[in-house]
């Protein structure tokens, strides 16, 4: 059975938190790659429209790692309700996917 892959997205309130979270995920081999991007988020929180500068993390991993990855995010995240979204990767360049399989193995 071949591995399946996911892109997991979360956000943090500052670059230091994003880097710390990326380090935890990579050190524990829960992810092969974490990209950190500045974003402007608009959302409703506790019945109020909010706007904040945040950092989005695009996390590439094997789908089987998702439960442990989600728990690692919850454990170190400082948001009350962090965004944790998993998107199936329907296809990709096979050498890249093979690399994810090789390095994202806790």
PDB file of N, CA and C in Angstrom:
ATOM      1  N   UNK A   1       0.850  -1.185   0.000  1.00  0.00           N
ATOM      2  CA  UNK A   1       0.000   0.000   0.000  1.00  0.00           C
ATOM      3  C   UNK A   1       0.888   1.238   0.000  1.00  0.00           C
ATOM      4  N   UNK A   2       0.614   2.156  -0.903  1.00  0.00           N
ATOM      5  CA  UNK A   2       1.435   3.354  -0.976  1.00  0.00           C
ATOM      6  C   UNK A   2       0.983   4.374   0.069  1.00  0.00           C
ATOM      7  N   UNK A   3       1.911   5.231   0.437  1.00  0.00           N
ATOM      8  CA  UNK A   3       1.615   6.266   1.433  1.00  0.00           C
ATOM      9  C   UNK A   3       0.686   7.305   0.827  1.00  0.00           C
ATOM     10  N   UNK A   4      -0.101   7.930   1.688  1.00  0.00           N
ATOM     11  CA  UNK A   4      -0.875   9.089   1.252  1.00  0.00           C
ATOM     12  C   UNK A   4      -0.299  10.299   1.971  1.00  0.00           C
ATOM     13  N   UNK A   5      -0.519  11.454   1.384  1.00  0.00           N
ATOM     14  CA  UNK A   5       0.137  12.671   1.839  1.00  0.00           C
ATOM     15  C   UNK A   5      -0.880  13.756   2.116  1.00  0.00           C
ATOM     16  N   UNK A   6      -0.497  14.671   3.012  1.00  0.00           N
ATOM     17  CA  UNK A   6      -1.391  15.763   3.393  1.00  0.00           C
ATOM     18  C   UNK A   6      -0.628  17.064   3.503  1.00  0.00           C
ATOM     19  N   UNK A   7      -1.360  18.137   3.286  1.00  0.00           N
ATOM     20  CA  UNK A   7      -0.919  19.489   3.587  1.00  0.00           C
ATOM     21  C   UNK A   7      -1.734  19.912   4.798  1.00  0.00           C
ATOM     22  N   UNK A   8      -1.061  20.268   5.878  1.00  0.00           N
ATOM     23  CA  UNK A   8      -1.743  20.725   7.087  1.00  0.00           C
ATOM     24  C   UNK A   8      -1.469  22.216   7.220  1.00  0.00           C
ATOM     25  N   UNK A   9      -2.505  22.968   7.526  1.00  0.00           N
ATOM     26  CA  UNK A   9      -2.387  24.418   7.658  1.00  0.00           C
ATOM     27  C   UNK A   9      -2.749  24.826   9.077  1.00  0.00           C
ATOM     28  N   UNK A  10      -1.932  25.687   9.651  1.00  0.00           N
ATOM     29  CA  UNK A  10      -2.232  26.327  10.920  1.00  0.00           C
ATOM     30  C   UNK A  10      -1.693  27.750  10.852  1.00  0.00           C
ATOM     31  N   UNK A  11      -2.089  28.580  11.808  1.00  0.00           N
ATOM     32  CA  UNK A  11      -1.580  29.944  11.878  1.00  0.00           C
ATOM     33  C   UNK A  11      -1.103  30.230  13.298  1.00  0.00           C
ATOM     34  N   UNK A  12      -0.181  31.180  13.404  1.00  0.00           N
ATOM     35  CA  UNK A  12       0.291  31.646  14.699  1.00  0.00           C
ATOM     36  C   UNK A  12       0.270  33.170  14.703  1.00  0.00           C
ATOM     37  N   UNK A  13       0.372  33.744  15.882  1.00  0.00           N
ATOM     38  CA  UNK A  13       0.299  35.195  16.022  1.00  0.00           C
ATOM     39  C   UNK A  13       1.602  35.929  15.763  1.00  0.00           C
ATOM     40  N   UNK A  14       2.725  35.191  15.720  1.00  0.00           N
ATOM     41  CA  UNK A  14       4.000  35.858  15.460  1.00  0.00           C
ATOM     42  C   UNK A  14       4.993  34.861  14.859  1.00  0.00           C
ATOM     43  N   UNK A  15       6.055  35.403  14.274  1.00  0.00           N
ATOM     44  CA  UNK A  15       7.036  34.575  13.581  1.00  0.00           C
ATOM     45  C   UNK A  15       7.782  33.646  14.537  1.00  0.00           C
ATOM     46  N   UNK A  16       8.053  34.110  15.746  1.00  0.00           N
ATOM     47  CA  UNK A  16       8.772  33.274  16.711  1.00  0.00           C
ATOM     48  C   UNK A  16       7.973  32.020  17.053  1.00  0.00           C
ATOM     49  N   UNK A  17       6.670  32.168  17.257  1.00  0.00           N
ATOM     50  CA  UNK A  17       5.816  31.007  17.535  1.00  0.00           C
ATOM     51  C   UNK A  17       5.774  30.058  16.341  1.00  0.00           C
ATOM     52  N   UNK A  18       5.709  30.633  15.151  1.00  0.00           N
ATOM     53  CA  UNK A  18       5.695  29.813  13.938  1.00  0.00           C
ATOM     54  C   UNK A  18       6.983  29.013  13.818  1.00  0.00           C
ATOM     55  N   UNK A  19       8.112  29.671  14.057  1.00  0.00           N
ATOM     56  CA  UNK A  19       9.400  28.974  13.972  1.00  0.00           C
ATOM     57  C   UNK A  19       9.523  27.894  15.053  1.00  0.00           C
ATOM     58  N   UNK A  20       9.051  28.180  16.244  1.00  0.00           N
ATOM     59  CA  UNK A  20       9.114  27.196  17.332  1.00  0.00           C
ATOM     60  C   UNK A  20       8.264  25.976  17.003  1.00  0.00           C
ATOM     61  N   UNK A  21       7.069  26.207  16.459  1.00  0.00           N
ATOM     62  CA  UNK A  21       6.197  25.097  16.091  1.00  0.00           C
ATOM     63  C   UNK A  21       6.820  24.284  14.964  1.00  0.00           C
ATOM     64  N   UNK A  22       7.371  24.954  13.963  1.00  0.00           N
ATOM     65  CA  UNK A  22       8.041  24.243  12.868  1.00  0.00           C
ATOM     66  C   UNK A  22       9.165  23.373  13.408  1.00  0.00           C
ATOM     67  N   UNK A  23       9.937  23.899  14.342  1.00  0.00           N
ATOM     68  CA  UNK A  23      11.049  23.136  14.916  1.00  0.00           C
ATOM     69  C   UNK A  23      10.557  21.876  15.621  1.00  0.00           C
ATOM     70  N   UNK A  24       9.465  21.976  16.368  1.00  0.00           N
ATOM     71  CA  UNK A  24       8.901  20.805  17.060  1.00  0.00           C
ATOM     72  C   UNK A  24       8.471  19.751  16.042  1.00  0.00           C
ATOM     73  N   UNK A  25       7.775  20.174  15.002  1.00  0.00           N
ATOM     74  CA  UNK A  25       7.269  19.222  14.013  1.00  0.00           C
ATOM     75  C   UNK A  25       8.399  18.546  13.247  1.00  0.00           C
ATOM     76  N   UNK A  26       9.430  19.318  12.897  1.00  0.00           N
ATOM     77  CA  UNK A  26      10.550  18.753  12.143  1.00  0.00           C
ATOM     78  C   UNK A  26      11.443  17.886  13.033  1.00  0.00           C
ATOM     79  N   UNK A  27      11.717  18.344  14.231  1.00  0.00           N
ATOM     80  CA  UNK A  27      12.565  17.584  15.150  1.00  0.00           C
ATOM     81  C   UNK A  27      11.962  16.216  15.455  1.00  0.00           C
ATOM     82  N   UNK A  28      10.643  16.175  15.572  1.00  0.00           N
ATOM     83  CA  UNK A  28       9.945  14.920  15.862  1.00  0.00           C
ATOM     84  C   UNK A  28       9.576  14.139  14.606  1.00  0.00           C
ATOM     85  N   UNK A  29      10.033  14.626  13.465  1.00  0.00           N
ATOM     86  CA  UNK A  29       9.802  13.968  12.168  1.00  0.00           C
ATOM     87  C   UNK A  29       8.323  13.772  11.848  1.00  0.00           C
ATOM     88  N   UNK A  30       7.503  14.684  12.353  1.00  0.00           N
ATOM     89  CA  UNK A  30       6.076  14.647  12.030  1.00  0.00           C
ATOM     90  C   UNK A  30       5.800  15.321  10.693  1.00  0.00           C
ATOM     91  N   UNK A  31       6.754  16.089  10.203  1.00  0.00           N
ATOM     92  CA  UNK A  31       6.629  16.795   8.929  1.00  0.00           C
ATOM     93  C   UNK A  31       7.948  16.722   8.188  1.00  0.00           C
ATOM     94  N   UNK A  32       7.855  16.822   6.863  1.00  0.00           N
ATOM     95  CA  UNK A  32       9.056  16.871   6.033  1.00  0.00           C
ATOM     96  C   UNK A  32       9.453  18.309   5.740  1.00  0.00           C
ATOM     97  N   UNK A  33       8.467  19.200   5.700  1.00  0.00           N
ATOM     98  CA  UNK A  33       8.714  20.585   5.332  1.00  0.00           C
ATOM     99  C   UNK A  33       7.635  21.458   5.961  1.00  0.00           C
ATOM    100  N   UNK A  34       8.049  22.625   6.457  1.00  0.00           N
ATOM    101  CA  UNK A  34       7.099  23.613   6.974  1.00  0.00           C
ATOM    102  C   UNK A  34       7.448  24.955   6.349  1.00  0.00           C
ATOM    103  N   UNK A  35       6.511  25.512   5.623  1.00  0.00           N
ATOM    104  CA  UNK A  35       6.688  26.848   5.060  1.00  0.00           C
ATOM    105  C   UNK A  35       5.963  27.847   5.947  1.00  0.00           C
ATOM    106  N   UNK A  36       6.594  28.979   6.209  1.00  0.00           N
ATOM    107  CA  UNK A  36       6.030  30.023   7.059  1.00  0.00           C
ATOM    108  C   UNK A  36       5.802  31.258   6.206  1.00  0.00           C
ATOM    109  N   UNK A  37       4.536  31.707   6.155  1.00  0.00           N
ATOM    110  CA  UNK A  37       4.171  32.837   5.306  1.00  0.00           C
ATOM    111  C   UNK A  37       3.409  33.887   6.108  1.00  0.00           C
ATOM    112  N   UNK A  38       3.748  35.173   5.936  1.00  0.00           N
ATOM    113  CA  UNK A  38       2.948  36.208   6.595  1.00  0.00           C
ATOM    114  C   UNK A  38       1.592  36.332   5.899  1.00  0.00           C
ATOM    115  N   UNK A  39       0.527  36.466   6.694  1.00  0.00           N
ATOM    116  CA  UNK A  39      -0.823  36.610   6.140  1.00  0.00           C
ATOM    117  C   UNK A  39      -1.590  37.660   6.938  1.00  0.00           C
ATOM    118  N   UNK A  40      -2.593  38.228   6.313  1.00  0.00           N
ATOM    119  CA  UNK A  40      -3.531  39.116   6.999  1.00  0.00           C
ATOM    120  C   UNK A  40      -4.835  38.344   7.127  1.00  0.00           C
ATOM    121  N   UNK A  41      -5.244  38.059   8.343  1.00  0.00           N
ATOM    122  CA  UNK A  41      -6.435  37.246   8.587  1.00  0.00           C
ATOM    123  C   UNK A  41      -7.609  38.121   9.017  1.00  0.00           C
ATOM    124  N   UNK A  42      -8.763  37.838   8.455  1.00  0.00           N
ATOM    125  CA  UNK A  42     -10.026  38.484   8.817  1.00  0.00           C
ATOM    126  C   UNK A  42     -10.966  37.358   9.239  1.00  0.00           C
ATOM    127  N   UNK A  43     -11.569  37.478  10.414  1.00  0.00           N
ATOM    128  CA  UNK A  43     -12.363  36.369  10.938  1.00  0.00           C
ATOM    129  C   UNK A  43     -13.320  36.876  12.012  1.00  0.00           C
ATOM    130  N   UNK A  44     -14.266  36.021  12.364  1.00  0.00           N
ATOM    131  CA  UNK A  44     -15.195  36.336  13.444  1.00  0.00           C
ATOM    132  C   UNK A  44     -14.766  35.537  14.663  1.00  0.00           C
ATOM    133  N   UNK A  45     -14.569  36.219  15.778  1.00  0.00           N
ATOM    134  CA  UNK A  45     -14.196  35.563  17.036  1.00  0.00           C
ATOM    135  C   UNK A  45     -15.022  36.173  18.153  1.00  0.00           C
ATOM    136  N   UNK A  46     -15.793  35.324  18.836  1.00  0.00           N
ATOM    137  CA  UNK A  46     -16.662  35.746  19.935  1.00  0.00           C
ATOM    138  C   UNK A  46     -17.568  36.904  19.501  1.00  0.00           C
ATOM    139  N   UNK A  47     -18.200  36.701  18.339  1.00  0.00           N
ATOM    140  CA  UNK A  47     -19.182  37.619  17.756  1.00  0.00           C
ATOM    141  C   UNK A  47     -18.625  38.977  17.350  1.00  0.00           C
ATOM    142  N   UNK A  48     -17.330  39.063  17.162  1.00  0.00           N
ATOM    143  CA  UNK A  48     -16.705  40.311  16.729  1.00  0.00           C
ATOM    144  C   UNK A  48     -15.852  40.035  15.493  1.00  0.00           C
ATOM    145  N   UNK A  49     -15.954  40.910  14.498  1.00  0.00           N
ATOM    146  CA  UNK A  49     -15.093  40.799  13.329  1.00  0.00           C
ATOM    147  C   UNK A  49     -13.706  41.296  13.717  1.00  0.00           C
ATOM    148  N   UNK A  50     -12.719  40.449  13.476  1.00  0.00           N
ATOM    149  CA  UNK A  50     -11.333  40.738  13.847  1.00  0.00           C
ATOM    150  C   UNK A  50     -10.463  40.794  12.599  1.00  0.00           C
ATOM    151  N   UNK A  51      -9.321  41.443  12.735  1.00  0.00           N
ATOM    152  CA  UNK A  51      -8.308  41.498  11.681  1.00  0.00           C
ATOM    153  C   UNK A  51      -6.943  41.471  12.356  1.00  0.00           C
ATOM    154  N   UNK A  52      -6.092  40.539  11.938  1.00  0.00           N
ATOM    155  CA  UNK A  52      -4.774  40.405  12.552  1.00  0.00           C
ATOM    156  C   UNK A  52      -3.731  40.023  11.522  1.00  0.00           C
ATOM    157  N   UNK A  53      -2.499  40.388  11.808  1.00  0.00           N
ATOM    158  CA  UNK A  53      -1.352  39.877  11.063  1.00  0.00           C
ATOM    159  C   UNK A  53      -0.976  38.555  11.731  1.00  0.00           C
ATOM    160  N   UNK A  54      -0.868  37.514  10.940  1.00  0.00           N
ATOM    161  CA  UNK A  54      -0.525  36.202  11.448  1.00  0.00           C
ATOM    162  C   UNK A  54       0.531  35.575  10.543  1.00  0.00           C
ATOM    163  N   UNK A  55       0.971  34.393  10.929  1.00  0.00           N
ATOM    164  CA  UNK A  55       1.877  33.603  10.110  1.00  0.00           C
ATOM    165  C   UNK A  55       1.225  32.254   9.849  1.00  0.00           C
ATOM    166  N   UNK A  56       1.060  31.936   8.560  1.00  0.00           N
ATOM    167  CA  UNK A  56       0.485  30.654   8.165  1.00  0.00           C
ATOM    168  C   UNK A  56       1.604  29.643   7.995  1.00  0.00           C
ATOM    169  N   UNK A  57       1.381  28.445   8.495  1.00  0.00           N
ATOM    170  CA  UNK A  57       2.322  27.350   8.320  1.00  0.00           C
ATOM    171  C   UNK A  57       1.697  26.343   7.371  1.00  0.00           C
ATOM    172  N   UNK A  58       2.392  26.043   6.288  1.00  0.00           N
ATOM    173  CA  UNK A  58       2.005  24.990   5.360  1.00  0.00           C
ATOM    174  C   UNK A  58       2.914  23.813   5.655  1.00  0.00           C
ATOM    175  N   UNK A  59       2.323  22.758   6.161  1.00  0.00           N
ATOM    176  CA  UNK A  59       3.069  21.615   6.687  1.00  0.00           C
ATOM    177  C   UNK A  59       2.835  20.416   5.770  1.00  0.00           C
ATOM    178  N   UNK A  60       3.913  19.882   5.192  1.00  0.00           N
ATOM    179  CA  UNK A  60       3.806  18.710   4.331  1.00  0.00           C
ATOM    180  C   UNK A  60       4.174  17.467   5.128  1.00  0.00           C
ATOM    181  N   UNK A  61       3.292  16.455   5.059  1.00  0.00           N
ATOM    182  CA  UNK A  61       3.482  15.257   5.871  1.00  0.00           C
ATOM    183  C   UNK A  61       2.790  14.065   5.238  1.00  0.00           C
ATOM    184  N   UNK A  62       3.028  12.902   5.837  1.00  0.00           N
ATOM    185  CA  UNK A  62       2.257  11.711   5.483  1.00  0.00           C
ATOM    186  C   UNK A  62       0.945  11.775   6.257  1.00  0.00           C
ATOM    187  N   UNK A  63      -0.125  11.356   5.631  1.00  0.00           N
ATOM    188  CA  UNK A  63      -1.438  11.405   6.266  1.00  0.00           C
ATOM    189  C   UNK A  63      -1.452  10.622   7.578  1.00  0.00           C
ATOM    190  N   UNK A  64      -0.732   9.525   7.652  1.00  0.00           N
ATOM    191  CA  UNK A  64      -0.717   8.712   8.879  1.00  0.00           C
ATOM    192  C   UNK A  64      -0.123   9.477  10.065  1.00  0.00           C
ATOM    193  N   UNK A  65       0.632  10.533   9.812  1.00  0.00           N
ATOM    194  CA  UNK A  65       1.210  11.345  10.886  1.00  0.00           C
ATOM    195  C   UNK A  65       0.229  12.368  11.454  1.00  0.00           C
ATOM    196  N   UNK A  66      -0.901  12.570  10.798  1.00  0.00           N
ATOM    197  CA  UNK A  66      -1.786  13.664  11.184  1.00  0.00           C
ATOM    198  C   UNK A  66      -2.235  13.622  12.645  1.00  0.00           C
ATOM    199  N   UNK A  67      -2.681  12.500  13.194  1.00  0.00           N
ATOM    200  CA  UNK A  67      -3.115  12.537  14.600  1.00  0.00           C
ATOM    201  C   UNK A  67      -2.016  13.036  15.547  1.00  0.00           C
ATOM    202  N   UNK A  68      -0.807  12.549  15.390  1.00  0.00           N
ATOM    203  CA  UNK A  68       0.293  12.987  16.261  1.00  0.00           C
ATOM    204  C   UNK A  68       0.676  14.439  15.972  1.00  0.00           C
ATOM    205  N   UNK A  69       0.636  14.830  14.708  1.00  0.00           N
ATOM    206  CA  UNK A  69       0.947  16.203  14.331  1.00  0.00           C
ATOM    207  C   UNK A  69      -0.069  17.163  14.938  1.00  0.00           C
ATOM    208  N   UNK A  70      -1.340  16.804  14.856  1.00  0.00           N
ATOM    209  CA  UNK A  70      -2.404  17.634  15.437  1.00  0.00           C
ATOM    210  C   UNK A  70      -2.192  17.789  16.941  1.00  0.00           C
ATOM    211  N   UNK A  71      -1.865  16.713  17.616  1.00  0.00           N
ATOM    212  CA  UNK A  71      -1.643  16.794  19.059  1.00  0.00           C
ATOM    213  C   UNK A  71      -0.427  17.651  19.393  1.00  0.00           C
ATOM    214  N   UNK A  72       0.622  17.561  18.578  1.00  0.00           N
ATOM    215  CA  UNK A  72       1.805  18.403  18.802  1.00  0.00           C
ATOM    216  C   UNK A  72       1.455  19.876  18.629  1.00  0.00           C
ATOM    217  N   UNK A  73       0.648  20.203  17.628  1.00  0.00           N
ATOM    218  CA  UNK A  73       0.222  21.597  17.436  1.00  0.00           C
ATOM    219  C   UNK A  73      -0.582  22.058  18.648  1.00  0.00           C
ATOM    220  N   UNK A  74      -1.542  21.259  19.067  1.00  0.00           N
ATOM    221  CA  UNK A  74      -2.373  21.631  20.231  1.00  0.00           C
ATOM    222  C   UNK A  74      -1.522  21.843  21.484  1.00  0.00           C
ATOM    223  N   UNK A  75      -0.516  21.016  21.657  1.00  0.00           N
ATOM    224  CA  UNK A  75       0.302  21.071  22.866  1.00  0.00           C
ATOM    225  C   UNK A  75       1.121  22.353  22.960  1.00  0.00           C
ATOM    226  N   UNK A  76       1.652  22.823  21.843  1.00  0.00           N
ATOM    227  CA  UNK A  76       2.545  23.989  21.895  1.00  0.00           C
ATOM    228  C   UNK A  76       1.884  25.289  21.454  1.00  0.00           C
ATOM    229  N   UNK A  77       0.710  25.219  20.872  1.00  0.00           N
ATOM    230  CA  UNK A  77       0.049  26.415  20.344  1.00  0.00           C
ATOM    231  C   UNK A  77      -0.505  27.277  21.471  1.00  0.00           C
ATOM    232  N   UNK A  78      -0.447  28.590  21.285  1.00  0.00           N
ATOM    233  CA  UNK A  78      -0.947  29.486  22.328  1.00  0.00           C
ATOM    234  C   UNK A  78      -2.360  30.012  22.049  1.00  0.00           C
ATOM    235  N   UNK A  79      -2.961  29.641  20.913  1.00  0.00           N
ATOM    236  CA  UNK A  79      -4.337  30.056  20.636  1.00  0.00           C
ATOM    237  C   UNK A  79      -5.319  29.167  21.396  1.00  0.00           C
ATOM    238  N   UNK A  80      -6.427  29.745  21.797  1.00  0.00           N
ATOM    239  CA  UNK A  80      -7.489  28.979  22.459  1.00  0.00           C
ATOM    240  C   UNK A  80      -8.039  27.909  21.519  1.00  0.00           C
ATOM    241  N   UNK A  81      -8.239  28.280  20.258  1.00  0.00           N
ATOM    242  CA  UNK A  81      -8.741  27.366  19.246  1.00  0.00           C
ATOM    243  C   UNK A  81      -7.883  27.513  17.997  1.00  0.00           C
ATOM    244  N   UNK A  82      -6.765  26.794  17.924  1.00  0.00           N
ATOM    245  CA  UNK A  82      -5.908  26.950  16.749  1.00  0.00           C
ATOM    246  C   UNK A  82      -6.529  26.348  15.498  1.00  0.00           C
ATOM    247  N   UNK A  83      -6.244  26.980  14.387  1.00  0.00           N
ATOM    248  CA  UNK A  83      -6.624  26.417  13.088  1.00  0.00           C
ATOM    249  C   UNK A  83      -5.746  25.198  12.846  1.00  0.00           C
ATOM    250  N   UNK A  84      -6.369  24.067  12.590  1.00  0.00           N
ATOM    251  CA  UNK A  84      -5.646  22.853  12.196  1.00  0.00           C
ATOM    252  C   UNK A  84      -6.487  22.204  11.107  1.00  0.00           C
ATOM    253  N   UNK A  85      -6.047  22.377   9.869  1.00  0.00           N
ATOM    254  CA  UNK A  85      -6.797  21.861   8.719  1.00  0.00           C
ATOM    255  C   UNK A  85      -5.899  20.923   7.932  1.00  0.00           C
ATOM    256  N   UNK A  86      -6.414  19.734   7.624  1.00  0.00           N
ATOM    257  CA  UNK A  86      -5.673  18.769   6.814  1.00  0.00           C
ATOM    258  C   UNK A  86      -6.315  18.684   5.439  1.00  0.00           C
ATOM    259  N   UNK A  87      -5.486  18.819   4.407  1.00  0.00           N
ATOM    260  CA  UNK A  87      -5.939  18.725   3.020  1.00  0.00           C
ATOM    261  C   UNK A  87      -5.202  17.563   2.370  1.00  0.00           C
ATOM    262  N   UNK A  88      -5.950  16.642   1.776  1.00  0.00           N
ATOM    263  CA  UNK A  88      -5.322  15.522   1.072  1.00  0.00           C
ATOM    264  C   UNK A  88      -4.578  16.043  -0.150  1.00  0.00           C
ATOM    265  N   UNK A  89      -3.386  15.524  -0.373  1.00  0.00           N
ATOM    266  CA  UNK A  89      -2.633  15.824  -1.587  1.00  0.00           C
ATOM    267  C   UNK A  89      -3.013  14.745  -2.598  1.00  0.00           C
ATOM    268  N   UNK A  90      -3.737  15.151  -3.642  1.00  0.00           N
ATOM    269  CA  UNK A  90      -4.270  14.199  -4.611  1.00  0.00           C
ATOM    270  C   UNK A  90      -3.192  13.677  -5.556  1.00  0.00           C
ATOM    271  N   UNK A  91      -2.139  14.416  -5.725  1.00  0.00           N
ATOM    272  CA  UNK A  91      -1.060  14.002  -6.610  1.00  0.00           C
ATOM    273  C   UNK A  91       0.133  14.898  -6.378  1.00  0.00           C
ATOM    274  N   UNK A  92       1.219  14.527  -6.979  1.00  0.00           N
ATOM    275  CA  UNK A  92       2.423  15.332  -6.851  1.00  0.00           C
ATOM    276  C   UNK A  92       3.566  14.647  -7.566  1.00  0.00           C
ATOM    277  N   UNK A  93       4.680  15.331  -7.639  1.00  0.00           N
ATOM    278  CA  UNK A  93       5.868  14.776  -8.257  1.00  0.00           C
ATOM    279  C   UNK A  93       6.371  13.625  -7.381  1.00  0.00           C
ATOM    280  N   UNK A  94       6.485  12.439  -7.951  1.00  0.00           N
ATOM    281  CA  UNK A  94       6.794  11.253  -7.142  1.00  0.00           C
ATOM    282  C   UNK A  94       8.101  11.367  -6.369  1.00  0.00           C
ATOM    283  N   UNK A  95       9.172  11.924  -6.928  1.00  0.00           N
ATOM    284  CA  UNK A  95      10.384  12.055  -6.105  1.00  0.00           C
ATOM    285  C   UNK A  95      10.164  12.936  -4.866  1.00  0.00           C
ATOM    286  N   UNK A  96       9.352  13.974  -4.981  1.00  0.00           N
ATOM    287  CA  UNK A  96       9.048  14.826  -3.823  1.00  0.00           C
ATOM    288  C   UNK A  96       8.239  14.050  -2.790  1.00  0.00           C
ATOM    289  N   UNK A  97       7.231  13.312  -3.246  1.00  0.00           N
ATOM    290  CA  UNK A  97       6.423  12.514  -2.327  1.00  0.00           C
ATOM    291  C   UNK A  97       7.264  11.426  -1.664  1.00  0.00           C
ATOM    292  N   UNK A  98       8.181  10.845  -2.407  1.00  0.00           N
ATOM    293  CA  UNK A  98       9.081   9.839  -1.827  1.00  0.00           C
ATOM    294  C   UNK A  98       9.936  10.460  -0.741  1.00  0.00           C
ATOM    295  N   UNK A  99      10.378  11.693  -0.973  1.00  0.00           N
ATOM    296  CA  UNK A  99      11.172  12.418   0.036  1.00  0.00           C
ATOM    297  C   UNK A  99      10.365  12.630   1.309  1.00  0.00           C
ATOM    298  N   UNK A 100       9.082  13.025   1.160  1.00  0.00           N
ATOM    299  CA  UNK A 100       8.223  13.183   2.340  1.00  0.00           C
ATOM    300  C   UNK A 100       8.172  11.858   3.104  1.00  0.00           C
ATOM    301  N   UNK A 101       7.968  10.759   2.383  1.00  0.00           N
ATOM    302  CA  UNK A 101       7.904   9.450   3.043  1.00  0.00           C
ATOM    303  C   UNK A 101       9.177   9.137   3.801  1.00  0.00           C
ATOM    304  N   UNK A 102      10.310   9.475   3.210  1.00  0.00           N
ATOM    305  CA  UNK A 102      11.591   9.153   3.822  1.00  0.00           C
ATOM    306  C   UNK A 102      11.855   9.938   5.092  1.00  0.00           C
ATOM    307  N   UNK A 103      11.557  11.239   5.082  1.00  0.00           N
ATOM    308  CA  UNK A 103      11.957  12.073   6.217  1.00  0.00           C
ATOM    309  C   UNK A 103      10.872  12.288   7.265  1.00  0.00           C
ATOM    310  N   UNK A 104       9.609  12.167   6.899  1.00  0.00           N
ATOM    311  CA  UNK A 104       8.522  12.374   7.859  1.00  0.00           C
ATOM    312  C   UNK A 104       8.116  11.050   8.485  1.00  0.00           C
ATOM    313  N   UNK A 105       9.068  10.430   9.158  1.00  0.00           N
ATOM    314  CA  UNK A 105       8.835   9.144   9.799  1.00  0.00           C
ATOM    315  C   UNK A 105       9.298   9.219  11.242  1.00  0.00           C
ATOM    316  N   UNK A 106       8.334   9.442  12.147  1.00  0.00           N
ATOM    317  CA  UNK A 106       8.695   9.566  13.582  1.00  0.00           C
ATOM    318  C   UNK A 106       9.353   8.298  14.119  1.00  0.00           C
TER     319      UNK A 106
END
